N, C-alpha and C. Protein backbone atom coordinates (compact mmCIF):
# COMPACT_ATOMS: atom_id res chain seq x y z
N MET A 1 24.64 142.96 133.41
CA MET A 1 23.92 141.98 134.20
C MET A 1 23.21 140.98 133.30
N HIS A 2 22.69 141.48 132.18
CA HIS A 2 21.99 140.58 131.27
C HIS A 2 22.95 139.60 130.62
N LEU A 3 24.14 140.07 130.26
CA LEU A 3 25.14 139.20 129.63
C LEU A 3 25.62 138.14 130.62
N THR A 4 25.84 138.54 131.86
CA THR A 4 26.25 137.59 132.89
C THR A 4 25.19 136.52 133.10
N GLY A 5 23.93 136.93 133.14
CA GLY A 5 22.84 135.98 133.29
C GLY A 5 22.75 135.03 132.13
N LEU A 6 22.97 135.54 130.93
CA LEU A 6 22.92 134.69 129.74
C LEU A 6 24.05 133.67 129.73
N ILE A 7 25.25 134.10 130.11
CA ILE A 7 26.39 133.17 130.18
C ILE A 7 26.13 132.11 131.25
N LEU A 8 25.65 132.52 132.41
CA LEU A 8 25.34 131.57 133.48
C LEU A 8 24.24 130.61 133.04
N PHE A 9 23.26 131.11 132.31
CA PHE A 9 22.17 130.26 131.80
C PHE A 9 22.71 129.19 130.87
N ILE A 10 23.59 129.57 129.96
CA ILE A 10 24.16 128.60 129.01
C ILE A 10 24.96 127.53 129.73
N PHE A 11 25.80 127.93 130.69
CA PHE A 11 26.59 126.94 131.41
C PHE A 11 25.72 126.07 132.32
N SER A 12 24.64 126.61 132.83
CA SER A 12 23.72 125.80 133.64
C SER A 12 23.03 124.74 132.79
N ILE A 13 22.63 125.11 131.58
CA ILE A 13 22.03 124.14 130.67
C ILE A 13 23.03 123.05 130.31
N LEU A 14 24.29 123.44 130.06
CA LEU A 14 25.32 122.45 129.76
C LEU A 14 25.55 121.51 130.95
N GLY A 15 25.54 122.05 132.17
CA GLY A 15 25.69 121.22 133.36
C GLY A 15 24.54 120.24 133.51
N LEU A 16 23.33 120.69 133.19
CA LEU A 16 22.17 119.82 133.25
C LEU A 16 22.28 118.69 132.22
N ILE A 17 22.75 119.01 131.03
CA ILE A 17 22.93 117.99 129.99
C ILE A 17 23.97 116.97 130.42
N VAL A 18 25.07 117.44 131.00
CA VAL A 18 26.12 116.52 131.48
C VAL A 18 25.56 115.60 132.56
N TRP A 19 24.76 116.14 133.48
CA TRP A 19 24.18 115.32 134.54
C TRP A 19 23.26 114.25 133.96
N ILE A 20 22.43 114.63 132.99
CA ILE A 20 21.49 113.68 132.38
C ILE A 20 22.25 112.58 131.65
N VAL A 21 23.27 112.95 130.89
CA VAL A 21 24.05 111.95 130.14
C VAL A 21 24.78 111.01 131.09
N SER A 22 25.39 111.54 132.15
CA SER A 22 26.11 110.68 133.08
C SER A 22 25.16 109.76 133.84
N THR A 23 23.97 110.25 134.19
CA THR A 23 22.99 109.41 134.87
C THR A 23 22.48 108.30 133.96
N LEU A 24 22.21 108.64 132.71
CA LEU A 24 21.74 107.62 131.77
C LEU A 24 22.82 106.58 131.47
N SER A 25 24.07 107.01 131.40
CA SER A 25 25.14 106.04 131.16
C SER A 25 25.33 105.14 132.37
N LEU A 26 25.13 105.69 133.57
CA LEU A 26 25.22 104.87 134.78
C LEU A 26 24.09 103.86 134.83
N LEU A 27 22.89 104.28 134.45
CA LEU A 27 21.75 103.37 134.47
C LEU A 27 21.86 102.29 133.40
N GLY A 28 22.51 102.60 132.28
CA GLY A 28 22.62 101.64 131.20
C GLY A 28 23.86 100.78 131.25
N SER A 29 24.70 100.98 132.25
CA SER A 29 25.95 100.24 132.34
C SER A 29 25.70 98.79 132.73
N LYS A 30 26.34 97.87 132.00
CA LYS A 30 26.18 96.44 132.31
C LYS A 30 26.76 96.11 133.67
N GLU A 31 27.90 96.72 134.01
CA GLU A 31 28.52 96.45 135.30
C GLU A 31 27.61 96.85 136.45
N THR A 32 26.92 97.95 136.29
CA THR A 32 26.01 98.41 137.34
C THR A 32 24.86 97.42 137.51
N ILE A 33 24.31 96.96 136.41
CA ILE A 33 23.21 96.00 136.47
C ILE A 33 23.67 94.69 137.09
N ILE A 34 24.85 94.20 136.70
CA ILE A 34 25.38 92.95 137.25
C ILE A 34 25.63 93.10 138.74
N ASN A 35 26.25 94.20 139.17
CA ASN A 35 26.51 94.40 140.59
C ASN A 35 25.22 94.49 141.39
N ARG A 36 24.22 95.12 140.84
CA ARG A 36 22.95 95.23 141.55
C ARG A 36 22.30 93.86 141.71
N GLU A 37 22.39 93.02 140.68
CA GLU A 37 21.76 91.70 140.76
C GLU A 37 22.55 90.75 141.66
N LEU A 38 23.87 90.78 141.57
CA LEU A 38 24.68 89.84 142.33
C LEU A 38 24.78 90.20 143.81
N TYR A 39 25.02 91.46 144.07
CA TYR A 39 25.33 91.85 145.44
C TYR A 39 24.21 92.62 146.12
N GLY A 40 23.16 92.93 145.40
CA GLY A 40 22.06 93.68 145.98
C GLY A 40 22.42 95.10 146.32
N ILE A 41 23.36 95.67 145.59
CA ILE A 41 23.80 97.04 145.85
C ILE A 41 22.75 98.00 145.29
N PRO A 42 22.23 98.87 146.11
CA PRO A 42 21.25 99.83 145.59
C PRO A 42 21.93 100.86 144.69
N LEU A 43 21.25 101.24 143.65
CA LEU A 43 21.78 102.25 142.74
C LEU A 43 21.41 103.62 143.28
N GLU A 44 22.42 104.39 143.66
CA GLU A 44 22.18 105.72 144.20
C GLU A 44 22.49 106.75 143.13
N ILE A 45 21.54 107.59 142.87
CA ILE A 45 21.73 108.66 141.90
C ILE A 45 21.84 109.96 142.68
N ASN A 46 22.93 110.66 142.47
CA ASN A 46 23.14 111.93 143.16
C ASN A 46 22.31 113.01 142.49
N ILE A 47 21.29 113.50 143.19
CA ILE A 47 20.41 114.50 142.59
C ILE A 47 20.82 115.92 142.94
N MET A 48 21.84 116.08 143.77
CA MET A 48 22.26 117.43 144.14
C MET A 48 22.71 118.25 142.94
N PRO A 49 23.51 117.70 142.00
CA PRO A 49 23.86 118.50 140.81
C PRO A 49 22.64 118.91 139.99
N LEU A 50 21.63 118.05 139.96
CA LEU A 50 20.39 118.40 139.25
C LEU A 50 19.71 119.59 139.90
N LEU A 51 19.60 119.56 141.22
CA LEU A 51 18.95 120.66 141.92
C LEU A 51 19.72 121.96 141.76
N ILE A 52 21.05 121.88 141.85
CA ILE A 52 21.88 123.08 141.68
C ILE A 52 21.71 123.64 140.27
N SER A 53 21.70 122.77 139.27
CA SER A 53 21.52 123.23 137.89
C SER A 53 20.17 123.90 137.70
N LEU A 54 19.13 123.32 138.26
CA LEU A 54 17.79 123.91 138.11
C LEU A 54 17.69 125.27 138.79
N VAL A 55 18.30 125.40 139.96
CA VAL A 55 18.30 126.70 140.65
C VAL A 55 19.09 127.73 139.86
N LEU A 56 20.26 127.31 139.35
CA LEU A 56 21.06 128.24 138.54
C LEU A 56 20.35 128.65 137.26
N ILE A 57 19.62 127.72 136.66
CA ILE A 57 18.86 128.06 135.45
C ILE A 57 17.79 129.10 135.78
N ALA A 58 17.10 128.91 136.89
CA ALA A 58 16.06 129.88 137.27
C ALA A 58 16.65 131.25 137.58
N VAL A 59 17.74 131.27 138.34
CA VAL A 59 18.37 132.54 138.71
C VAL A 59 18.93 133.24 137.48
N SER A 60 19.62 132.49 136.63
CA SER A 60 20.24 133.11 135.46
C SER A 60 19.19 133.58 134.46
N ALA A 61 18.09 132.86 134.35
CA ALA A 61 17.02 133.31 133.46
C ALA A 61 16.42 134.62 133.97
N GLY A 62 16.28 134.73 135.27
CA GLY A 62 15.81 135.99 135.85
C GLY A 62 16.79 137.12 135.63
N MET A 63 18.08 136.82 135.70
CA MET A 63 19.10 137.85 135.47
C MET A 63 19.13 138.27 134.00
N ALA A 64 19.00 137.30 133.11
CA ALA A 64 19.15 137.59 131.69
C ALA A 64 17.92 138.30 131.12
N TRP A 65 16.74 137.88 131.55
CA TRP A 65 15.53 138.41 130.94
C TRP A 65 14.67 139.22 131.90
N GLY A 66 15.16 139.41 133.11
CA GLY A 66 14.37 140.12 134.12
C GLY A 66 14.51 141.61 134.09
């Protein structure tokens, strides 16, 4: 159970890092900024992967060290 929790914890951290990098690249994209200024398109950031990663981190930490 501890090994499973540790593996899940590592993959949850990696998923969180991927979400952060993809969000930052979306925010820094010139095309996104141009589209927002020209067409008034709101920038929507999907926070569901963030919430799932945070829940998995909490659960896996409890499994690994609980």
